[in-house]
Amino acid sequence: MFMNRLSRWLDSLRFPTLVIITAALFAIDLVIPDAVPFIDEIMLALATIFFSRFKQRGSRDKPGSNDKE
């Protein structure tokens, strides 16, 4: 059930691979210790959220589809 819901959500994104990559980097970065704590974790979390906000273009955004008549 979770994988089905996740798959549908990823299909609705414009850059699903980019979201997966940044989320994986975020998860790896949480495990690896660093000199400045939490700065890079915050940046990767913000990047993941930023990329996940891009939805696929709808039919209204495609060139040639004009709603005015």
PDB file of N, CA and C in Angstrom:
ATOM      1  N   MET A   1       0.822  -1.189   0.000  1.00  0.00           N
ATOM      2  CA  MET A   1       0.000   0.000   0.000  1.00  0.00           C
ATOM      3  C   MET A   1       0.865   1.251   0.000  1.00  0.00           C
ATOM      4  N   PHE A   2       1.911   1.272   0.843  1.00  0.00           N
ATOM      5  CA  PHE A   2       2.788   2.433   0.885  1.00  0.00           C
ATOM      6  C   PHE A   2       3.522   2.619  -0.439  1.00  0.00           C
ATOM      7  N   MET A   3       4.018   1.519  -1.017  1.00  0.00           N
ATOM      8  CA  MET A   3       4.755   1.611  -2.280  1.00  0.00           C
ATOM      9  C   MET A   3       3.841   2.072  -3.418  1.00  0.00           C
ATOM     10  N   ASN A   4       2.589   1.653  -3.406  1.00  0.00           N
ATOM     11  CA  ASN A   4       1.641   2.081  -4.431  1.00  0.00           C
ATOM     12  C   ASN A   4       1.385   3.583  -4.327  1.00  0.00           C
ATOM     13  N   ARG A   5       1.192   4.055  -3.122  1.00  0.00           N
ATOM     14  CA  ARG A   5       0.956   5.483  -2.905  1.00  0.00           C
ATOM     15  C   ARG A   5       2.192   6.303  -3.275  1.00  0.00           C
ATOM     16  N   LEU A   6       3.384   5.809  -2.890  1.00  0.00           N
ATOM     17  CA  LEU A   6       4.630   6.486  -3.221  1.00  0.00           C
ATOM     18  C   LEU A   6       4.847   6.527  -4.731  1.00  0.00           C
ATOM     19  N   SER A   7       4.544   5.433  -5.401  1.00  0.00           N
ATOM     20  CA  SER A   7       4.691   5.375  -6.859  1.00  0.00           C
ATOM     21  C   SER A   7       3.768   6.376  -7.556  1.00  0.00           C
ATOM     22  N   ARG A   8       2.530   6.466  -7.096  1.00  0.00           N
ATOM     23  CA  ARG A   8       1.601   7.440  -7.689  1.00  0.00           C
ATOM     24  C   ARG A   8       2.068   8.865  -7.453  1.00  0.00           C
ATOM     25  N   TRP A   9       2.597   9.131  -6.252  1.00  0.00           N
ATOM     26  CA  TRP A   9       3.088  10.479  -5.944  1.00  0.00           C
ATOM     27  C   TRP A   9       4.297  10.823  -6.812  1.00  0.00           C
ATOM     28  N   LEU A  10       5.219   9.869  -6.958  1.00  0.00           N
ATOM     29  CA  LEU A  10       6.390  10.113  -7.788  1.00  0.00           C
ATOM     30  C   LEU A  10       6.012  10.303  -9.252  1.00  0.00           C
ATOM     31  N   ASP A  11       4.986   9.597  -9.715  1.00  0.00           N
ATOM     32  CA  ASP A  11       4.531   9.767 -11.101  1.00  0.00           C
ATOM     33  C   ASP A  11       3.952  11.154 -11.351  1.00  0.00           C
ATOM     34  N   SER A  12       3.462  11.795 -10.307  1.00  0.00           N
ATOM     35  CA  SER A  12       2.877  13.125 -10.483  1.00  0.00           C
ATOM     36  C   SER A  12       3.928  14.229 -10.483  1.00  0.00           C
ATOM     37  N   LEU A  13       5.177  13.883 -10.167  1.00  0.00           N
ATOM     38  CA  LEU A  13       6.235  14.886 -10.105  1.00  0.00           C
ATOM     39  C   LEU A  13       6.871  15.103 -11.470  1.00  0.00           C
ATOM     40  N   ARG A  14       7.432  16.275 -11.648  1.00  0.00           N
ATOM     41  CA  ARG A  14       8.092  16.618 -12.898  1.00  0.00           C
ATOM     42  C   ARG A  14       9.485  15.989 -12.980  1.00  0.00           C
ATOM     43  N   PHE A  15      10.205  15.927 -11.840  1.00  0.00           N
ATOM     44  CA  PHE A  15      11.542  15.352 -11.784  1.00  0.00           C
ATOM     45  C   PHE A  15      11.610  14.287 -10.688  1.00  0.00           C
ATOM     46  N   PRO A  16      10.988  13.135 -10.882  1.00  0.00           N
ATOM     47  CA  PRO A  16      10.969  12.128  -9.809  1.00  0.00           C
ATOM     48  C   PRO A  16      12.354  11.575  -9.486  1.00  0.00           C
ATOM     49  N   THR A  17      13.213  11.425 -10.470  1.00  0.00           N
ATOM     50  CA  THR A  17      14.556  10.898 -10.218  1.00  0.00           C
ATOM     51  C   THR A  17      15.368  11.863  -9.370  1.00  0.00           C
ATOM     52  N   LEU A  18      15.229  13.145  -9.628  1.00  0.00           N
ATOM     53  CA  LEU A  18      15.945  14.152  -8.859  1.00  0.00           C
ATOM     54  C   LEU A  18      15.494  14.156  -7.397  1.00  0.00           C
ATOM     55  N   VAL A  19      14.214  13.962  -7.167  1.00  0.00           N
ATOM     56  CA  VAL A  19      13.697  13.895  -5.797  1.00  0.00           C
ATOM     57  C   VAL A  19      14.240  12.659  -5.085  1.00  0.00           C
ATOM     58  N   ILE A  20      14.288  11.534  -5.781  1.00  0.00           N
ATOM     59  CA  ILE A  20      14.808  10.301  -5.188  1.00  0.00           C
ATOM     60  C   ILE A  20      16.290  10.460  -4.840  1.00  0.00           C
ATOM     61  N   ILE A  21      17.053  11.069  -5.736  1.00  0.00           N
ATOM     62  CA  ILE A  21      18.490  11.258  -5.493  1.00  0.00           C
ATOM     63  C   ILE A  21      18.728  12.172  -4.297  1.00  0.00           C
ATOM     64  N   THR A  22      18.029  13.304  -4.233  1.00  0.00           N
ATOM     65  CA  THR A  22      18.247  14.219  -3.111  1.00  0.00           C
ATOM     66  C   THR A  22      17.762  13.618  -1.796  1.00  0.00           C
ATOM     67  N   ALA A  23      16.679  12.855  -1.832  1.00  0.00           N
ATOM     68  CA  ALA A  23      16.202  12.200  -0.606  1.00  0.00           C
ATOM     69  C   ALA A  23      17.198  11.134  -0.138  1.00  0.00           C
ATOM     70  N   ALA A  24      17.793  10.389  -1.078  1.00  0.00           N
ATOM     71  CA  ALA A  24      18.800   9.391  -0.708  1.00  0.00           C
ATOM     72  C   ALA A  24      20.046  10.054  -0.140  1.00  0.00           C
ATOM     73  N   LEU A  25      20.487  11.150  -0.757  1.00  0.00           N
ATOM     74  CA  LEU A  25      21.633  11.887  -0.224  1.00  0.00           C
ATOM     75  C   LEU A  25      21.347  12.418   1.176  1.00  0.00           C
ATOM     76  N   PHE A  26      20.131  12.880   1.397  1.00  0.00           N
ATOM     77  CA  PHE A  26      19.738  13.362   2.716  1.00  0.00           C
ATOM     78  C   PHE A  26      19.808  12.237   3.751  1.00  0.00           C
ATOM     79  N   ALA A  27      19.305  11.055   3.391  1.00  0.00           N
ATOM     80  CA  ALA A  27      19.320   9.919   4.313  1.00  0.00           C
ATOM     81  C   ALA A  27      20.754   9.470   4.621  1.00  0.00           C
ATOM     82  N   ILE A  28      21.600   9.445   3.592  1.00  0.00           N
ATOM     83  CA  ILE A  28      23.005   9.074   3.804  1.00  0.00           C
ATOM     84  C   ILE A  28      23.703  10.114   4.660  1.00  0.00           C
ATOM     85  N   ASP A  29      23.407  11.383   4.419  1.00  0.00           N
ATOM     86  CA  ASP A  29      24.054  12.467   5.145  1.00  0.00           C
ATOM     87  C   ASP A  29      23.670  12.477   6.627  1.00  0.00           C
ATOM     88  N   LEU A  30      22.497  11.980   6.949  1.00  0.00           N
ATOM     89  CA  LEU A  30      22.105  11.894   8.358  1.00  0.00           C
ATOM     90  C   LEU A  30      22.973  10.913   9.137  1.00  0.00           C
ATOM     91  N   VAL A  31      23.490   9.897   8.449  1.00  0.00           N
ATOM     92  CA  VAL A  31      24.279   8.850   9.101  1.00  0.00           C
ATOM     93  C   VAL A  31      25.744   9.258   9.246  1.00  0.00           C
ATOM     94  N   ILE A  32      26.266   9.975   8.259  1.00  0.00           N
ATOM     95  CA  ILE A  32      27.686  10.338   8.247  1.00  0.00           C
ATOM     96  C   ILE A  32      27.908  11.577   9.112  1.00  0.00           C
ATOM     97  N   PRO A  33      28.808  11.510  10.097  1.00  0.00           N
ATOM     98  CA  PRO A  33      29.085  12.693  10.927  1.00  0.00           C
ATOM     99  C   PRO A  33      29.868  13.753  10.145  1.00  0.00           C
ATOM    100  N   ASP A  34      29.663  15.009  10.507  1.00  0.00           N
ATOM    101  CA  ASP A  34      30.353  16.088   9.819  1.00  0.00           C
ATOM    102  C   ASP A  34      30.806  17.150  10.814  1.00  0.00           C
ATOM    103  N   ALA A  35      31.625  18.080  10.342  1.00  0.00           N
ATOM    104  CA  ALA A  35      32.221  19.097  11.210  1.00  0.00           C
ATOM    105  C   ALA A  35      31.197  20.141  11.662  1.00  0.00           C
ATOM    106  N   VAL A  36      30.313  20.545  10.762  1.00  0.00           N
ATOM    107  CA  VAL A  36      29.295  21.544  11.094  1.00  0.00           C
ATOM    108  C   VAL A  36      27.951  20.817  11.141  1.00  0.00           C
ATOM    109  N   PRO A  37      27.479  20.509  12.329  1.00  0.00           N
ATOM    110  CA  PRO A  37      26.257  19.711  12.424  1.00  0.00           C
ATOM    111  C   PRO A  37      25.018  20.425  11.883  1.00  0.00           C
ATOM    112  N   PHE A  38      24.198  19.691  11.217  1.00  0.00           N
ATOM    113  CA  PHE A  38      22.860  20.056  10.770  1.00  0.00           C
ATOM    114  C   PHE A  38      22.790  21.063   9.629  1.00  0.00           C
ATOM    115  N   ILE A  39      23.867  21.724   9.255  1.00  0.00           N
ATOM    116  CA  ILE A  39      23.781  22.687   8.156  1.00  0.00           C
ATOM    117  C   ILE A  39      23.513  21.966   6.842  1.00  0.00           C
ATOM    118  N   ASP A  40      24.301  20.940   6.526  1.00  0.00           N
ATOM    119  CA  ASP A  40      24.094  20.231   5.270  1.00  0.00           C
ATOM    120  C   ASP A  40      22.805  19.409   5.288  1.00  0.00           C
ATOM    121  N   GLU A  41      22.399  18.908   6.442  1.00  0.00           N
ATOM    122  CA  GLU A  41      21.129  18.198   6.523  1.00  0.00           C
ATOM    123  C   GLU A  41      19.955  19.133   6.217  1.00  0.00           C
ATOM    124  N   ILE A  42      20.032  20.330   6.744  1.00  0.00           N
ATOM    125  CA  ILE A  42      18.969  21.304   6.484  1.00  0.00           C
ATOM    126  C   ILE A  42      18.935  21.680   5.008  1.00  0.00           C
ATOM    127  N   MET A  43      20.106  21.881   4.407  1.00  0.00           N
ATOM    128  CA  MET A  43      20.157  22.247   2.985  1.00  0.00           C
ATOM    129  C   MET A  43      19.621  21.118   2.098  1.00  0.00           C
ATOM    130  N   LEU A  44      19.992  19.867   2.377  1.00  0.00           N
ATOM    131  CA  LEU A  44      19.484  18.752   1.578  1.00  0.00           C
ATOM    132  C   LEU A  44      17.987  18.545   1.786  1.00  0.00           C
ATOM    133  N   ALA A  45      17.506  18.742   2.999  1.00  0.00           N
ATOM    134  CA  ALA A  45      16.068  18.620   3.240  1.00  0.00           C
ATOM    135  C   ALA A  45      15.308  19.695   2.473  1.00  0.00           C
ATOM    136  N   LEU A  46      15.822  20.916   2.482  1.00  0.00           N
ATOM    137  CA  LEU A  46      15.176  22.000   1.724  1.00  0.00           C
ATOM    138  C   LEU A  46      15.221  21.741   0.220  1.00  0.00           C
ATOM    139  N   ALA A  47      16.333  21.204  -0.271  1.00  0.00           N
ATOM    140  CA  ALA A  47      16.426  20.872  -1.698  1.00  0.00           C
ATOM    141  C   ALA A  47      15.435  19.781  -2.073  1.00  0.00           C
ATOM    142  N   THR A  48      15.287  18.774  -1.222  1.00  0.00           N
ATOM    143  CA  THR A  48      14.328  17.707  -1.492  1.00  0.00           C
ATOM    144  C   THR A  48      12.904  18.250  -1.537  1.00  0.00           C
ATOM    145  N   ILE A  49      12.566  19.100  -0.592  1.00  0.00           N
ATOM    146  CA  ILE A  49      11.230  19.707  -0.583  1.00  0.00           C
ATOM    147  C   ILE A  49      11.031  20.592  -1.803  1.00  0.00           C
ATOM    148  N   PHE A  50      12.052  21.360  -2.162  1.00  0.00           N
ATOM    149  CA  PHE A  50      11.969  22.246  -3.325  1.00  0.00           C
ATOM    150  C   PHE A  50      11.699  21.450  -4.596  1.00  0.00           C
ATOM    151  N   PHE A  51      12.462  20.369  -4.825  1.00  0.00           N
ATOM    152  CA  PHE A  51      12.276  19.579  -6.040  1.00  0.00           C
ATOM    153  C   PHE A  51      10.958  18.818  -6.030  1.00  0.00           C
ATOM    154  N   SER A  52      10.461  18.455  -4.865  1.00  0.00           N
ATOM    155  CA  SER A  52       9.199  17.714  -4.818  1.00  0.00           C
ATOM    156  C   SER A  52       7.991  18.607  -5.063  1.00  0.00           C
ATOM    157  N   ARG A  53       8.171  19.912  -5.031  1.00  0.00           N
ATOM    158  CA  ARG A  53       7.069  20.837  -5.277  1.00  0.00           C
ATOM    159  C   ARG A  53       6.772  21.023  -6.764  1.00  0.00           C
ATOM    160  N   PHE A  54       7.682  20.608  -7.651  1.00  0.00           N
ATOM    161  CA  PHE A  54       7.467  20.731  -9.090  1.00  0.00           C
ATOM    162  C   PHE A  54       6.560  19.604  -9.562  1.00  0.00           C
ATOM    163  N   LYS A  55       5.357  19.936  -9.916  1.00  0.00           N
ATOM    164  CA  LYS A  55       4.422  18.951 -10.445  1.00  0.00           C
ATOM    165  C   LYS A  55       4.554  18.901 -11.955  1.00  0.00           C
ATOM    166  N   GLN A  56       4.009  17.841 -12.570  1.00  0.00           N
ATOM    167  CA  GLN A  56       4.041  17.745 -14.018  1.00  0.00           C
ATOM    168  C   GLN A  56       3.193  18.849 -14.613  1.00  0.00           C
ATOM    169  N   ARG A  57       3.568  19.244 -15.791  1.00  0.00           N
ATOM    170  CA  ARG A  57       2.794  20.269 -16.486  1.00  0.00           C
ATOM    171  C   ARG A  57       1.459  19.696 -16.904  1.00  0.00           C
ATOM    172  N   GLY A  58       0.407  20.472 -16.701  1.00  0.00           N
ATOM    173  CA  GLY A  58      -0.922  20.042 -17.094  1.00  0.00           C
ATOM    174  C   GLY A  58      -1.189  20.397 -18.540  1.00  0.00           C
ATOM    175  N   SER A  59      -2.357  20.072 -19.006  1.00  0.00           N
ATOM    176  CA  SER A  59      -2.699  20.350 -20.400  1.00  0.00           C
ATOM    177  C   SER A  59      -2.817  21.856 -20.642  1.00  0.00           C
ATOM    178  N   ARG A  60      -3.065  22.632 -19.586  1.00  0.00           N
ATOM    179  CA  ARG A  60      -3.162  24.083 -19.753  1.00  0.00           C
ATOM    180  C   ARG A  60      -1.812  24.705 -20.064  1.00  0.00           C
ATOM    181  N   ASP A  61      -0.713  24.083 -19.608  1.00  0.00           N
ATOM    182  CA  ASP A  61       0.608  24.642 -19.814  1.00  0.00           C
ATOM    183  C   ASP A  61       1.245  24.249 -21.131  1.00  0.00           C
ATOM    184  N   LYS A  62       0.645  23.325 -21.834  1.00  0.00           N
ATOM    185  CA  LYS A  62       1.231  22.871 -23.080  1.00  0.00           C
ATOM    186  C   LYS A  62       1.004  23.920 -24.168  1.00  0.00           C
ATOM    187  N   PRO A  63       2.015  24.095 -25.039  1.00  0.00           N
ATOM    188  CA  PRO A  63       1.839  25.067 -26.116  1.00  0.00           C
ATOM    189  C   PRO A  63       0.739  24.625 -27.067  1.00  0.00           C
ATOM    190  N   GLY A  64      -0.032  25.586 -27.518  1.00  0.00           N
ATOM    191  CA  GLY A  64      -1.097  25.290 -28.477  1.00  0.00           C
ATOM    192  C   GLY A  64      -2.447  25.039 -27.843  1.00  0.00           C
ATOM    193  N   SER A  65      -2.519  24.830 -26.544  1.00  0.00           N
ATOM    194  CA  SER A  65      -3.818  24.648 -25.896  1.00  0.00           C
ATOM    195  C   SER A  65      -4.261  25.978 -25.341  1.00  0.00           C
ATOM    196  N   ASN A  66      -5.159  26.584 -26.010  1.00  0.00           N
ATOM    197  CA  ASN A  66      -5.641  27.903 -25.649  1.00  0.00           C
ATOM    198  C   ASN A  66      -7.083  27.791 -25.188  1.00  0.00           C
ATOM    199  N   ASP A  67      -7.384  28.230 -23.968  1.00  0.00           N
ATOM    200  CA  ASP A  67      -8.730  28.118 -23.427  1.00  0.00           C
ATOM    201  C   ASP A  67      -9.644  29.234 -23.927  1.00  0.00           C
ATOM    202  N   LYS A  68      -9.075  30.286 -24.457  1.00  0.00           N
ATOM    203  CA  LYS A  68      -9.892  31.413 -24.944  1.00  0.00           C
ATOM    204  C   LYS A  68     -10.510  31.055 -26.270  1.00  0.00           C
ATOM    205  N   GLU A  69     -11.743  31.483 -26.465  1.00  0.00           N
ATOM    206  CA  GLU A  69     -12.413  31.254 -27.758  1.00  0.00           C
ATOM    207  C   GLU A  69     -12.978  32.522 -28.279  1.00  0.00           C
TER     208      GLU A  69
END
